[in-house]
Amino acid sequence: MKICLYLEFYNFLNGILFRKIGTGLLSSYRNQQKIIKYLDVECVEKYDDSCEVLIINTPWIRSLSLIKKARKNGAKIIIWSHVTAEDAKDVFRFAKFFNPLLKKYLTYAYGLADIVLCPTSYTKGLLLNYGLPEKKLVVQSNGVDLLKFQKDEKKRNYYREKYELERVAIGHVGLAIPRKGIKTFLKLAHKFSESQFIWYGKIYSSFLVKSLPKVLPANVNFTGYADDAAAAFNSLDIFLFPSHEENQGMAILEAAAIGLPILVRDIGAYEGWLIHDENCLKAKNEEEFARYLDMLIKDGELRKRLGENARILAGDERNEGQAEKLEKIIYGLS
């Protein structure tokens, strides 16, 4: 069997659009490359007529033409639902004005697939509400690479020294965009001034995204893109993920693989796999964020217990297990 795993614009101008960006989409795509290697099939990035399966990440305009070409050749089409109208709303300036159009477009594009892979049951529910048939929608985790993301004292020490982390480090790894909960992050930094808050991730220009405050608390550092995500996670003592909307949240699984205690906002995407007071803490509002963060800072045993359970969660979501599920999906299409 020959599979084309396609991410639009990935090779455009030698990958300039994905250089030093560090998105969950890119992490997912690279995970898929590793997952497919376990299947012992031929996998290419550029579609040709000999491909029997076309797997699309983000079905934009170029992807649509590939889908139509592959369909004519009898290939099966799988599309990852990494993007929904809900999670795109608060990414870039003016995005909310195009939201109704985006929802219609995604409904059409996902409808072209034989199978739509949904990172969580929550995403599946959203697409059902779009009007997509349930028989096309399959829940499939993005997975996590446990060989890349694991506890590493050398990486921890290197990044803590590089970014001058000497106290309890509370942080996030991901794009610095409003949807990810920057306001909550800064409010907590103001409240817990004795701890250090660090946000590793690309910072877009103010033309695209609302700017960060000109004056940040003294205990806060927005680093911009970090060239070693595993080191970034390792440098932290607590992983803070106050995002308002996700389809899964790759960074959560990566933090879990390191064994970090995780504090998230209580949103629909986490139902069924992130369990409050078992492998994470979930906050419903700003008051709960402050209360739970205070508990994590003061209670080392709580951090240890949540971190150990988070690592078990990551083990359940490891790439090898996702390969078995994907294999069944692919051969089920034949």
C-alpha atoms as a PDB file:
ATOM      1  CA  MET A   1       0.000   0.000   0.000  1.00  0.00           C
ATOM      2  CA  LYS A   2       1.132   3.543  -0.775  1.00  0.00           C
ATOM      3  CA  ILE A   3      -0.045   6.486   1.319  1.00  0.00           C
ATOM      4  CA  CYS A   4       0.296  10.189   0.626  1.00  0.00           C
ATOM      5  CA  LEU A   5       0.427  12.184   3.852  1.00  0.00           C
ATOM      6  CA  TYR A   6      -0.175  15.772   2.823  1.00  0.00           C
ATOM      7  CA  LEU A   7       0.110  19.064   4.684  1.00  0.00           C
ATOM      8  CA  GLU A   8      -0.660  22.057   2.520  1.00  0.00           C
ATOM      9  CA  PHE A   9       2.173  24.620   2.197  1.00  0.00           C
ATOM     10  CA  TYR A  10       4.543  22.317   4.142  1.00  0.00           C
ATOM     11  CA  ASN A  11       7.128  22.366   1.338  1.00  0.00           C
ATOM     12  CA  PHE A  12       6.266  25.825  -0.013  1.00  0.00           C
ATOM     13  CA  LEU A  13       9.479  27.861  -0.482  1.00  0.00           C
ATOM     14  CA  ASN A  14      11.438  25.221   1.449  1.00  0.00           C
ATOM     15  CA  GLY A  15       8.927  25.241   4.281  1.00  0.00           C
ATOM     16  CA  ILE A  16       9.132  28.945   5.099  1.00  0.00           C
ATOM     17  CA  LEU A  17       5.540  29.051   6.421  1.00  0.00           C
ATOM     18  CA  PHE A  18       6.232  26.326   9.002  1.00  0.00           C
ATOM     19  CA  ARG A  19       9.695  27.456  10.025  1.00  0.00           C
ATOM     20  CA  LYS A  20      10.052  28.370  13.700  1.00  0.00           C
ATOM     21  CA  ILE A  21       6.337  28.207  14.329  1.00  0.00           C
ATOM     22  CA  GLY A  22       5.794  25.252  16.690  1.00  0.00           C
ATOM     23  CA  THR A  23       2.056  24.685  16.188  1.00  0.00           C
ATOM     24  CA  GLY A  24       0.028  21.694  17.283  1.00  0.00           C
ATOM     25  CA  LEU A  25      -0.767  21.133  13.610  1.00  0.00           C
ATOM     26  CA  LEU A  26       2.909  20.730  12.775  1.00  0.00           C
ATOM     27  CA  SER A  27       3.478  18.475  15.790  1.00  0.00           C
ATOM     28  CA  SER A  28       0.527  16.348  14.731  1.00  0.00           C
ATOM     29  CA  TYR A  29       1.800  16.057  11.156  1.00  0.00           C
ATOM     30  CA  ARG A  30       5.236  14.948  12.316  1.00  0.00           C
ATOM     31  CA  ASN A  31       3.609  12.484  14.677  1.00  0.00           C
ATOM     32  CA  GLN A  32       1.622  11.052  11.777  1.00  0.00           C
ATOM     33  CA  GLN A  33       4.832  10.527   9.830  1.00  0.00           C
ATOM     34  CA  LYS A  34       6.208   8.510  12.751  1.00  0.00           C
ATOM     35  CA  ILE A  35       2.935   6.636  13.277  1.00  0.00           C
ATOM     36  CA  ILE A  36       2.741   5.552   9.630  1.00  0.00           C
ATOM     37  CA  LYS A  37       6.307   4.176   9.841  1.00  0.00           C
ATOM     38  CA  TYR A  38       4.968   1.542  12.246  1.00  0.00           C
ATOM     39  CA  LEU A  39       2.562   0.358   9.522  1.00  0.00           C
ATOM     40  CA  ASP A  40       5.321  -0.813   7.179  1.00  0.00           C
ATOM     41  CA  VAL A  41       3.776   0.862   4.136  1.00  0.00           C
ATOM     42  CA  GLU A  42       5.199   3.305   1.613  1.00  0.00           C
ATOM     43  CA  CYS A  43       4.502   6.911   2.583  1.00  0.00           C
ATOM     44  CA  VAL A  44       5.145  10.019   0.460  1.00  0.00           C
ATOM     45  CA  GLU A  45       4.515  13.744   0.924  1.00  0.00           C
ATOM     46  CA  LYS A  46       3.635  14.474  -2.702  1.00  0.00           C
ATOM     47  CA  TYR A  47       0.619  12.792  -4.265  1.00  0.00           C
ATOM     48  CA  ASP A  48       0.934  10.717  -7.439  1.00  0.00           C
ATOM     49  CA  ASP A  49      -1.468   8.391  -9.218  1.00  0.00           C
ATOM     50  CA  SER A  50      -0.038   5.282  -7.539  1.00  0.00           C
ATOM     51  CA  CYS A  51      -1.186   6.408  -4.067  1.00  0.00           C
ATOM     52  CA  GLU A  52      -4.024   4.288  -2.705  1.00  0.00           C
ATOM     53  CA  VAL A  53      -4.769   6.497   0.304  1.00  0.00           C
ATOM     54  CA  LEU A  54      -4.586  10.285   0.612  1.00  0.00           C
ATOM     55  CA  ILE A  55      -4.408  11.653   4.158  1.00  0.00           C
ATOM     56  CA  ILE A  56      -4.988  15.402   4.302  1.00  0.00           C
ATOM     57  CA  ASN A  57      -4.082  17.802   7.094  1.00  0.00           C
ATOM     58  CA  THR A  58      -6.020  21.084   6.832  1.00  0.00           C
ATOM     59  CA  PRO A  59      -8.085  20.853   3.621  1.00  0.00           C
ATOM     60  CA  TRP A  60      -7.371  24.203   1.993  1.00  0.00           C
ATOM     61  CA  ILE A  61      -7.647  25.070  -1.718  1.00  0.00           C
ATOM     62  CA  ARG A  62      -4.701  23.004  -3.024  1.00  0.00           C
ATOM     63  CA  SER A  63      -5.902  20.058  -0.948  1.00  0.00           C
ATOM     64  CA  LEU A  64      -9.316  20.178  -2.604  1.00  0.00           C
ATOM     65  CA  SER A  65      -7.804  19.700  -6.056  1.00  0.00           C
ATOM     66  CA  LEU A  66      -5.719  16.776  -4.767  1.00  0.00           C
ATOM     67  CA  ILE A  67      -8.808  15.196  -3.233  1.00  0.00           C
ATOM     68  CA  LYS A  68     -10.698  15.414  -6.519  1.00  0.00           C
ATOM     69  CA  LYS A  69      -7.735  13.968  -8.439  1.00  0.00           C
ATOM     70  CA  ALA A  70      -7.281  11.138  -5.945  1.00  0.00           C
ATOM     71  CA  ARG A  71     -10.986  10.359  -6.019  1.00  0.00           C
ATOM     72  CA  LYS A  72     -10.894   9.968  -9.817  1.00  0.00           C
ATOM     73  CA  ASN A  73      -8.021   7.515  -9.396  1.00  0.00           C
ATOM     74  CA  GLY A  74      -9.977   5.449  -6.897  1.00  0.00           C
ATOM     75  CA  ALA A  75      -7.922   6.436  -3.857  1.00  0.00           C
ATOM     76  CA  LYS A  76      -9.502   6.595  -0.406  1.00  0.00           C
ATOM     77  CA  ILE A  77      -9.577   9.992   1.313  1.00  0.00           C
ATOM     78  CA  ILE A  78      -8.897  10.625   5.002  1.00  0.00           C
ATOM     79  CA  ILE A  79      -8.953  14.157   6.404  1.00  0.00           C
ATOM     80  CA  TRP A  80      -7.808  15.263   9.866  1.00  0.00           C
ATOM     81  CA  SER A  81     -10.180  17.750  11.498  1.00  0.00           C
ATOM     82  CA  HIS A  82      -7.456  19.872  13.085  1.00  0.00           C
ATOM     83  CA  VAL A  83      -9.437  23.037  12.395  1.00  0.00           C
ATOM     84  CA  THR A  84     -12.978  23.955  13.422  1.00  0.00           C
ATOM     85  CA  ALA A  85     -14.780  27.273  13.239  1.00  0.00           C
ATOM     86  CA  GLU A  86     -14.813  27.296  17.035  1.00  0.00           C
ATOM     87  CA  ASP A  87     -11.049  27.104  17.553  1.00  0.00           C
ATOM     88  CA  ALA A  88     -10.242  29.430  14.630  1.00  0.00           C
ATOM     89  CA  LYS A  89     -12.381  32.271  15.950  1.00  0.00           C
ATOM     90  CA  ASP A  90      -9.850  33.862  18.300  1.00  0.00           C
ATOM     91  CA  VAL A  91      -6.594  33.128  16.522  1.00  0.00           C
ATOM     92  CA  PHE A  92      -5.957  36.128  14.248  1.00  0.00           C
ATOM     93  CA  ARG A  93      -7.464  39.603  14.073  1.00  0.00           C
ATOM     94  CA  PHE A  94     -10.755  39.767  12.160  1.00  0.00           C
ATOM     95  CA  ALA A  95     -11.034  35.945  12.123  1.00  0.00           C
ATOM     96  CA  LYS A  96     -14.428  36.097  13.837  1.00  0.00           C
ATOM     97  CA  PHE A  97     -15.873  38.016  10.887  1.00  0.00           C
ATOM     98  CA  PHE A  98     -15.092  35.125   8.541  1.00  0.00           C
ATOM     99  CA  ASN A  99     -16.243  32.444  10.985  1.00  0.00           C
ATOM    100  CA  PRO A 100     -19.631  31.625   9.393  1.00  0.00           C
ATOM    101  CA  LEU A 101     -17.952  31.291   5.993  1.00  0.00           C
ATOM    102  CA  LEU A 102     -15.205  29.098   7.454  1.00  0.00           C
ATOM    103  CA  LYS A 103     -17.786  26.801   9.024  1.00  0.00           C
ATOM    104  CA  LYS A 104     -19.527  26.336   5.662  1.00  0.00           C
ATOM    105  CA  TYR A 105     -16.214  25.734   3.923  1.00  0.00           C
ATOM    106  CA  LEU A 106     -15.049  23.146   6.462  1.00  0.00           C
ATOM    107  CA  THR A 107     -18.400  21.362   6.281  1.00  0.00           C
ATOM    108  CA  TYR A 108     -17.954  21.070   2.524  1.00  0.00           C
ATOM    109  CA  ALA A 109     -14.263  20.097   2.657  1.00  0.00           C
ATOM    110  CA  TYR A 110     -14.623  17.491   5.428  1.00  0.00           C
ATOM    111  CA  GLY A 111     -17.641  16.129   3.580  1.00  0.00           C
ATOM    112  CA  LEU A 112     -15.355  15.101   0.692  1.00  0.00           C
ATOM    113  CA  ALA A 113     -13.586  12.531   2.855  1.00  0.00           C
ATOM    114  CA  ASP A 114     -14.340   8.853   3.276  1.00  0.00           C
ATOM    115  CA  ILE A 115     -13.214   9.225   6.888  1.00  0.00           C
ATOM    116  CA  VAL A 116     -12.712  12.343   9.008  1.00  0.00           C
ATOM    117  CA  LEU A 117     -10.346  11.786  11.933  1.00  0.00           C
ATOM    118  CA  CYS A 118     -11.426  13.746  15.008  1.00  0.00           C
ATOM    119  CA  PRO A 119      -8.801  14.273  17.735  1.00  0.00           C
ATOM    120  CA  THR A 120     -11.471  13.957  20.463  1.00  0.00           C
ATOM    121  CA  SER A 121     -15.125  13.111  20.955  1.00  0.00           C
ATOM    122  CA  TYR A 122     -15.663  16.826  21.463  1.00  0.00           C
ATOM    123  CA  THR A 123     -14.497  17.582  17.913  1.00  0.00           C
ATOM    124  CA  LYS A 124     -16.685  14.779  16.597  1.00  0.00           C
ATOM    125  CA  GLY A 125     -19.640  16.402  18.325  1.00  0.00           C
ATOM    126  CA  LEU A 126     -18.888  19.750  16.700  1.00  0.00           C
ATOM    127  CA  LEU A 127     -18.747  18.181  13.232  1.00  0.00           C
ATOM    128  CA  LEU A 128     -21.972  16.301  13.845  1.00  0.00           C
ATOM    129  CA  ASN A 129     -23.562  19.676  14.556  1.00  0.00           C
ATOM    130  CA  TYR A 130     -22.146  20.907  11.235  1.00  0.00           C
ATOM    131  CA  GLY A 131     -24.293  18.247   9.596  1.00  0.00           C
ATOM    132  CA  LEU A 132     -21.569  15.730   8.728  1.00  0.00           C
ATOM    133  CA  PRO A 133     -22.692  12.067   8.824  1.00  0.00           C
ATOM    134  CA  GLU A 134     -21.607  10.149  11.907  1.00  0.00           C
ATOM    135  CA  LYS A 135     -20.411   7.176   9.824  1.00  0.00           C
ATOM    136  CA  LYS A 136     -17.590   9.357   8.465  1.00  0.00           C
ATOM    137  CA  LEU A 137     -16.396  10.601  11.850  1.00  0.00           C
ATOM    138  CA  VAL A 138     -13.816   8.551  13.762  1.00  0.00           C
ATOM    139  CA  VAL A 139     -12.142   9.627  17.003  1.00  0.00           C
ATOM    140  CA  GLN A 140      -8.370   9.278  16.699  1.00  0.00           C
ATOM    141  CA  SER A 141      -5.891  10.939  19.045  1.00  0.00           C
ATOM    142  CA  ASN A 142      -2.996  12.962  17.632  1.00  0.00           C
ATOM    143  CA  GLY A 143      -0.752  10.783  19.779  1.00  0.00           C
ATOM    144  CA  VAL A 144       2.529  11.691  21.460  1.00  0.00           C
ATOM    145  CA  ASP A 145       6.137  10.738  20.757  1.00  0.00           C
ATOM    146  CA  LEU A 146       7.483   9.297  23.994  1.00  0.00           C
ATOM    147  CA  LEU A 147      10.986   9.029  22.533  1.00  0.00           C
ATOM    148  CA  LYS A 148      11.122  12.788  21.996  1.00  0.00           C
ATOM    149  CA  PHE A 149       9.175  13.927  25.045  1.00  0.00           C
ATOM    150  CA  GLN A 150      10.584  12.385  28.192  1.00  0.00           C
ATOM    151  CA  LYS A 151      12.120  13.556  31.436  1.00  0.00           C
ATOM    152  CA  ASP A 152      15.648  14.841  30.805  1.00  0.00           C
ATOM    153  CA  GLU A 153      17.693  16.540  33.537  1.00  0.00           C
ATOM    154  CA  LYS A 154      20.331  17.817  31.079  1.00  0.00           C
ATOM    155  CA  LYS A 155      17.694  19.548  28.967  1.00  0.00           C
ATOM    156  CA  ARG A 156      16.017  20.883  32.103  1.00  0.00           C
ATOM    157  CA  ASN A 157      19.233  22.353  33.468  1.00  0.00           C
ATOM    158  CA  TYR A 158      20.210  23.819  30.097  1.00  0.00           C
ATOM    159  CA  TYR A 159      16.942  25.687  29.564  1.00  0.00           C
ATOM    160  CA  ARG A 160      16.617  26.755  33.192  1.00  0.00           C
ATOM    161  CA  GLU A 161      20.064  28.278  33.008  1.00  0.00           C
ATOM    162  CA  LYS A 162      19.388  29.804  29.578  1.00  0.00           C
ATOM    163  CA  TYR A 163      16.186  31.499  30.751  1.00  0.00           C
ATOM    164  CA  GLU A 164      17.342  32.151  34.328  1.00  0.00           C
ATOM    165  CA  LEU A 165      14.732  29.970  36.006  1.00  0.00           C
ATOM    166  CA  GLU A 166      15.685  29.729  39.649  1.00  0.00           C
ATOM    167  CA  ARG A 167      12.304  29.481  41.398  1.00  0.00           C
ATOM    168  CA  VAL A 168       9.169  27.409  40.795  1.00  0.00           C
ATOM    169  CA  ALA A 169       8.632  27.737  37.047  1.00  0.00           C
ATOM    170  CA  ILE A 170       5.064  27.853  35.783  1.00  0.00           C
ATOM    171  CA  GLY A 171       4.787  27.826  32.035  1.00  0.00           C
ATOM    172  CA  HIS A 172       3.210  27.172  28.704  1.00  0.00           C
ATOM    173  CA  VAL A 173       4.576  25.890  25.385  1.00  0.00           C
ATOM    174  CA  GLY A 174       2.671  27.050  22.306  1.00  0.00           C
ATOM    175  CA  LEU A 175       1.655  30.013  20.175  1.00  0.00           C
ATOM    176  CA  ALA A 176       1.195  33.279  22.052  1.00  0.00           C
ATOM    177  CA  ILE A 177      -2.325  33.999  20.835  1.00  0.00           C
ATOM    178  CA  PRO A 178      -5.380  35.238  22.805  1.00  0.00           C
ATOM    179  CA  ARG A 179      -7.285  31.933  22.533  1.00  0.00           C
ATOM    180  CA  LYS A 180      -4.555  30.198  24.522  1.00  0.00           C
ATOM    181  CA  GLY A 181      -5.453  32.211  27.625  1.00  0.00           C
ATOM    182  CA  ILE A 182      -2.812  34.919  27.813  1.00  0.00           C
ATOM    183  CA  LYS A 183      -5.037  37.126  30.013  1.00  0.00           C
ATOM    184  CA  THR A 184      -5.409  34.371  32.598  1.00  0.00           C
ATOM    185  CA  PHE A 185      -1.685  33.622  32.443  1.00  0.00           C
ATOM    186  CA  LEU A 186      -0.821  37.257  33.211  1.00  0.00           C
ATOM    187  CA  LYS A 187      -3.404  37.576  35.981  1.00  0.00           C
ATOM    188  CA  LEU A 188      -1.906  34.565  37.710  1.00  0.00           C
ATOM    189  CA  ALA A 189       1.598  35.943  37.265  1.00  0.00           C
ATOM    190  CA  HIS A 190       0.521  39.155  39.014  1.00  0.00           C
ATOM    191  CA  LYS A 191      -0.971  37.169  41.873  1.00  0.00           C
ATOM    192  CA  PHE A 192       1.938  34.747  42.331  1.00  0.00           C
ATOM    193  CA  SER A 193       4.833  37.158  42.092  1.00  0.00           C
ATOM    194  CA  GLU A 194       7.207  34.825  43.955  1.00  0.00           C
ATOM    195  CA  SER A 195       7.067  32.283  41.136  1.00  0.00           C
ATOM    196  CA  GLN A 196       8.461  32.591  37.616  1.00  0.00           C
ATOM    197  CA  PHE A 197       6.111  32.461  34.629  1.00  0.00           C
ATOM    198  CA  ILE A 198       7.481  31.606  31.199  1.00  0.00           C
ATOM    199  CA  TRP A 199       5.693  31.223  27.868  1.00  0.00           C
ATOM    200  CA  TYR A 200       7.643  29.460  25.129  1.00  0.00           C
ATOM    201  CA  GLY A 201       6.155  30.041  21.695  1.00  0.00           C
ATOM    202  CA  LYS A 202       5.989  32.135  18.557  1.00  0.00           C
ATOM    203  CA  ILE A 203       4.794  35.717  18.971  1.00  0.00           C
ATOM    204  CA  TYR A 204       3.013  37.046  15.884  1.00  0.00           C
ATOM    205  CA  SER A 205       3.164  40.657  14.723  1.00  0.00           C
ATOM    206  CA  SER A 206       0.545  43.049  16.080  1.00  0.00           C
ATOM    207  CA  PHE A 207      -0.900  43.230  12.559  1.00  0.00           C
ATOM    208  CA  LEU A 208      -2.070  39.629  12.883  1.00  0.00           C
ATOM    209  CA  VAL A 209      -2.655  39.187  16.614  1.00  0.00           C
ATOM    210  CA  LYS A 210      -3.451  41.465  19.531  1.00  0.00           C
ATOM    211  CA  SER A 211      -0.134  42.590  20.997  1.00  0.00           C
ATOM    212  CA  LEU A 212       1.178  41.507  24.354  1.00  0.00           C
ATOM    213  CA  PRO A 213       1.073  44.265  27.012  1.00  0.00           C
ATOM    214  CA  LYS A 214       3.949  46.716  26.643  1.00  0.00           C
ATOM    215  CA  VAL A 215       4.796  46.301  30.312  1.00  0.00           C
ATOM    216  CA  LEU A 216       4.870  42.751  31.656  1.00  0.00           C
ATOM    217  CA  PRO A 217       5.203  41.676  35.294  1.00  0.00           C
ATOM    218  CA  ALA A 218       8.823  41.283  36.355  1.00  0.00           C
ATOM    219  CA  ASN A 219       8.336  37.541  36.870  1.00  0.00           C
ATOM    220  CA  VAL A 220       7.054  36.911  33.298  1.00  0.00           C
ATOM    221  CA  ASN A 221       9.000  35.989  30.166  1.00  0.00           C
ATOM    222  CA  PHE A 222       7.528  35.462  26.696  1.00  0.00           C
ATOM    223  CA  THR A 223      10.497  33.884  24.932  1.00  0.00           C
ATOM    224  CA  GLY A 224       9.247  33.601  21.364  1.00  0.00           C
ATOM    225  CA  TYR A 225       9.864  30.376  19.442  1.00  0.00           C
ATOM    226  CA  ALA A 226      11.836  27.767  21.396  1.00  0.00           C
ATOM    227  CA  ASP A 227      14.070  25.563  19.252  1.00  0.00           C
ATOM    228  CA  ASP A 228      13.862  22.593  21.653  1.00  0.00           C
ATOM    229  CA  ALA A 229      10.298  21.921  22.780  1.00  0.00           C
ATOM    230  CA  ALA A 230      11.345  18.970  24.942  1.00  0.00           C
ATOM    231  CA  ALA A 231      13.814  21.186  26.827  1.00  0.00           C
ATOM    232  CA  ALA A 232      11.128  23.850  27.223  1.00  0.00           C
ATOM    233  CA  PHE A 233       8.761  21.384  28.871  1.00  0.00           C
ATOM    234  CA  ASN A 234      11.529  19.948  31.027  1.00  0.00           C
ATOM    235  CA  SER A 235      12.412  23.382  32.361  1.00  0.00           C
ATOM    236  CA  LEU A 236       8.970  23.743  33.950  1.00  0.00           C
ATOM    237  CA  ASP A 237       7.653  22.655  37.337  1.00  0.00           C
ATOM    238  CA  ILE A 238       3.979  23.230  36.494  1.00  0.00           C
ATOM    239  CA  PHE A 239       2.319  23.239  33.073  1.00  0.00           C
ATOM    240  CA  LEU A 240      -0.350  25.935  32.814  1.00  0.00           C
ATOM    241  CA  PHE A 241      -2.705  25.631  29.825  1.00  0.00           C
ATOM    242  CA  PRO A 242      -5.563  28.162  30.196  1.00  0.00           C
ATOM    243  CA  SER A 243      -6.767  27.855  26.585  1.00  0.00           C
ATOM    244  CA  HIS A 244     -10.407  28.707  25.920  1.00  0.00           C
ATOM    245  CA  GLU A 245     -10.895  26.298  22.992  1.00  0.00           C
ATOM    246  CA  GLU A 246      -9.074  23.193  21.740  1.00  0.00           C
ATOM    247  CA  ASN A 247      -9.693  20.119  19.650  1.00  0.00           C
ATOM    248  CA  GLN A 248      -7.247  18.160  21.775  1.00  0.00           C
ATOM    249  CA  GLY A 249      -4.175  20.169  22.714  1.00  0.00           C
ATOM    250  CA  MET A 250      -0.922  18.519  21.619  1.00  0.00           C
ATOM    251  CA  ALA A 251       1.023  20.435  24.252  1.00  0.00           C
ATOM    252  CA  ILE A 252      -0.969  18.735  27.000  1.00  0.00           C
ATOM    253  CA  LEU A 253       0.106  15.270  25.873  1.00  0.00           C
ATOM    254  CA  GLU A 254       3.703  16.445  25.507  1.00  0.00           C
ATOM    255  CA  ALA A 255       3.694  17.946  29.005  1.00  0.00           C
ATOM    256  CA  ALA A 256       2.130  14.729  30.303  1.00  0.00           C
ATOM    257  CA  ALA A 257       4.895  12.670  28.694  1.00  0.00           C
ATOM    258  CA  ILE A 258       7.457  14.702  30.646  1.00  0.00           C
ATOM    259  CA  GLY A 259       5.484  13.991  33.834  1.00  0.00           C
ATOM    260  CA  LEU A 260       4.456  17.569  34.577  1.00  0.00           C
ATOM    261  CA  PRO A 261       1.489  18.433  36.780  1.00  0.00           C
ATOM    262  CA  ILE A 262      -1.082  20.035  34.466  1.00  0.00           C
ATOM    263  CA  LEU A 263      -3.543  22.855  35.152  1.00  0.00           C
ATOM    264  CA  VAL A 264      -6.106  23.486  32.406  1.00  0.00           C
ATOM    265  CA  ARG A 265      -9.353  25.332  31.832  1.00  0.00           C
ATOM    266  CA  ASP A 266     -12.384  23.060  32.155  1.00  0.00           C
ATOM    267  CA  ILE A 267     -13.541  22.903  28.511  1.00  0.00           C
ATOM    268  CA  GLY A 268     -15.345  20.311  26.404  1.00  0.00           C
ATOM    269  CA  ALA A 269     -12.310  18.996  24.520  1.00  0.00           C
ATOM    270  CA  TYR A 270     -10.914  17.388  27.678  1.00  0.00           C
ATOM    271  CA  GLU A 271     -13.992  15.383  28.675  1.00  0.00           C
ATOM    272  CA  GLY A 272     -13.299  11.693  29.111  1.00  0.00           C
ATOM    273  CA  TRP A 273      -9.499  11.731  29.108  1.00  0.00           C
ATOM    274  CA  LEU A 274      -8.352  14.565  31.381  1.00  0.00           C
ATOM    275  CA  ILE A 275      -9.679  13.725  34.841  1.00  0.00           C
ATOM    276  CA  HIS A 276      -9.698  16.403  37.541  1.00  0.00           C
ATOM    277  CA  ASP A 277      -7.527  15.552  40.556  1.00  0.00           C
ATOM    278  CA  GLU A 278      -6.319  12.392  38.832  1.00  0.00           C
ATOM    279  CA  ASN A 279      -4.081  13.405  35.912  1.00  0.00           C
ATOM    280  CA  CYS A 280      -4.672  17.166  35.994  1.00  0.00           C
ATOM    281  CA  LEU A 281      -6.529  19.979  37.709  1.00  0.00           C
ATOM    282  CA  LYS A 282      -9.375  21.702  35.846  1.00  0.00           C
ATOM    283  CA  ALA A 283     -10.386  25.285  36.616  1.00  0.00           C
ATOM    284  CA  LYS A 284     -13.830  26.633  35.719  1.00  0.00           C
ATOM    285  CA  ASN A 285     -12.984  30.283  36.376  1.00  0.00           C
ATOM    286  CA  GLU A 286     -10.211  32.671  37.401  1.00  0.00           C
ATOM    287  CA  GLU A 287     -10.778  32.023  41.114  1.00  0.00           C
ATOM    288  CA  GLU A 288     -10.288  28.294  40.641  1.00  0.00           C
ATOM    289  CA  PHE A 289      -7.168  28.855  38.550  1.00  0.00           C
ATOM    290  CA  ALA A 290      -5.683  30.858  41.423  1.00  0.00           C
ATOM    291  CA  ARG A 291      -6.743  28.329  44.058  1.00  0.00           C
ATOM    292  CA  TYR A 292      -5.440  25.302  42.191  1.00  0.00           C
ATOM    293  CA  LEU A 293      -2.193  26.984  41.217  1.00  0.00           C
ATOM    294  CA  ASP A 294      -1.619  27.913  44.854  1.00  0.00           C
ATOM    295  CA  MET A 295      -2.132  24.253  45.782  1.00  0.00           C
ATOM    296  CA  LEU A 296       0.346  23.100  43.152  1.00  0.00           C
ATOM    297  CA  ILE A 297       3.007  25.613  44.178  1.00  0.00           C
ATOM    298  CA  LYS A 298       2.777  24.696  47.859  1.00  0.00           C
ATOM    299  CA  ASP A 299       2.226  20.933  47.616  1.00  0.00           C
ATOM    300  CA  GLY A 300       5.102  18.980  46.109  1.00  0.00           C
ATOM    301  CA  GLU A 301       3.348  15.645  46.693  1.00  0.00           C
ATOM    302  CA  LEU A 302       0.325  16.838  44.698  1.00  0.00           C
ATOM    303  CA  ARG A 303       2.612  17.838  41.843  1.00  0.00           C
ATOM    304  CA  LYS A 304       4.302  14.445  41.960  1.00  0.00           C
ATOM    305  CA  ARG A 305       1.019  12.478  42.005  1.00  0.00           C
ATOM    306  CA  LEU A 306      -0.547  14.426  39.145  1.00  0.00           C
ATOM    307  CA  GLY A 307       2.675  14.241  37.140  1.00  0.00           C
ATOM    308  CA  GLU A 308       2.948  10.462  37.534  1.00  0.00           C
ATOM    309  CA  ASN A 309      -0.663   9.988  36.448  1.00  0.00           C
ATOM    310  CA  ALA A 310      -0.141  12.368  33.543  1.00  0.00           C
ATOM    311  CA  ARG A 311       2.717  10.170  32.355  1.00  0.00           C
ATOM    312  CA  ILE A 312       0.385   7.163  32.428  1.00  0.00           C
ATOM    313  CA  LEU A 313      -2.070   9.141  30.284  1.00  0.00           C
ATOM    314  CA  ALA A 314       0.686   9.923  27.782  1.00  0.00           C
ATOM    315  CA  GLY A 315       1.592   6.230  27.655  1.00  0.00           C
ATOM    316  CA  ASP A 316      -1.984   5.398  26.708  1.00  0.00           C
ATOM    317  CA  GLU A 317      -1.791   7.948  23.873  1.00  0.00           C
ATOM    318  CA  ARG A 318       1.661   6.936  22.574  1.00  0.00           C
ATOM    319  CA  ASN A 319       2.299   6.792  18.835  1.00  0.00           C
ATOM    320  CA  GLU A 320       2.611   2.998  18.732  1.00  0.00           C
ATOM    321  CA  GLY A 321      -0.940   2.589  19.980  1.00  0.00           C
ATOM    322  CA  GLN A 322      -2.247   5.165  17.523  1.00  0.00           C
ATOM    323  CA  ALA A 323      -0.576   3.236  14.693  1.00  0.00           C
ATOM    324  CA  GLU A 324      -2.660   0.155  15.497  1.00  0.00           C
ATOM    325  CA  LYS A 325      -5.853   2.203  15.404  1.00  0.00           C
ATOM    326  CA  LEU A 326      -4.905   3.963  12.167  1.00  0.00           C
ATOM    327  CA  GLU A 327      -4.055   0.657  10.508  1.00  0.00           C
ATOM    328  CA  LYS A 328      -7.555  -0.665  11.240  1.00  0.00           C
ATOM    329  CA  ILE A 329      -9.107   2.530   9.869  1.00  0.00           C
ATOM    330  CA  ILE A 330      -7.072   2.431   6.641  1.00  0.00           C
ATOM    331  CA  TYR A 331      -7.623  -1.252   5.886  1.00  0.00           C
ATOM    332  CA  GLY A 332     -11.266  -0.880   6.838  1.00  0.00           C
ATOM    333  CA  LEU A 333     -11.658   1.435   3.834  1.00  0.00           C
ATOM    334  CA  SER A 334     -10.437  -1.198   1.350  1.00  0.00           C
END
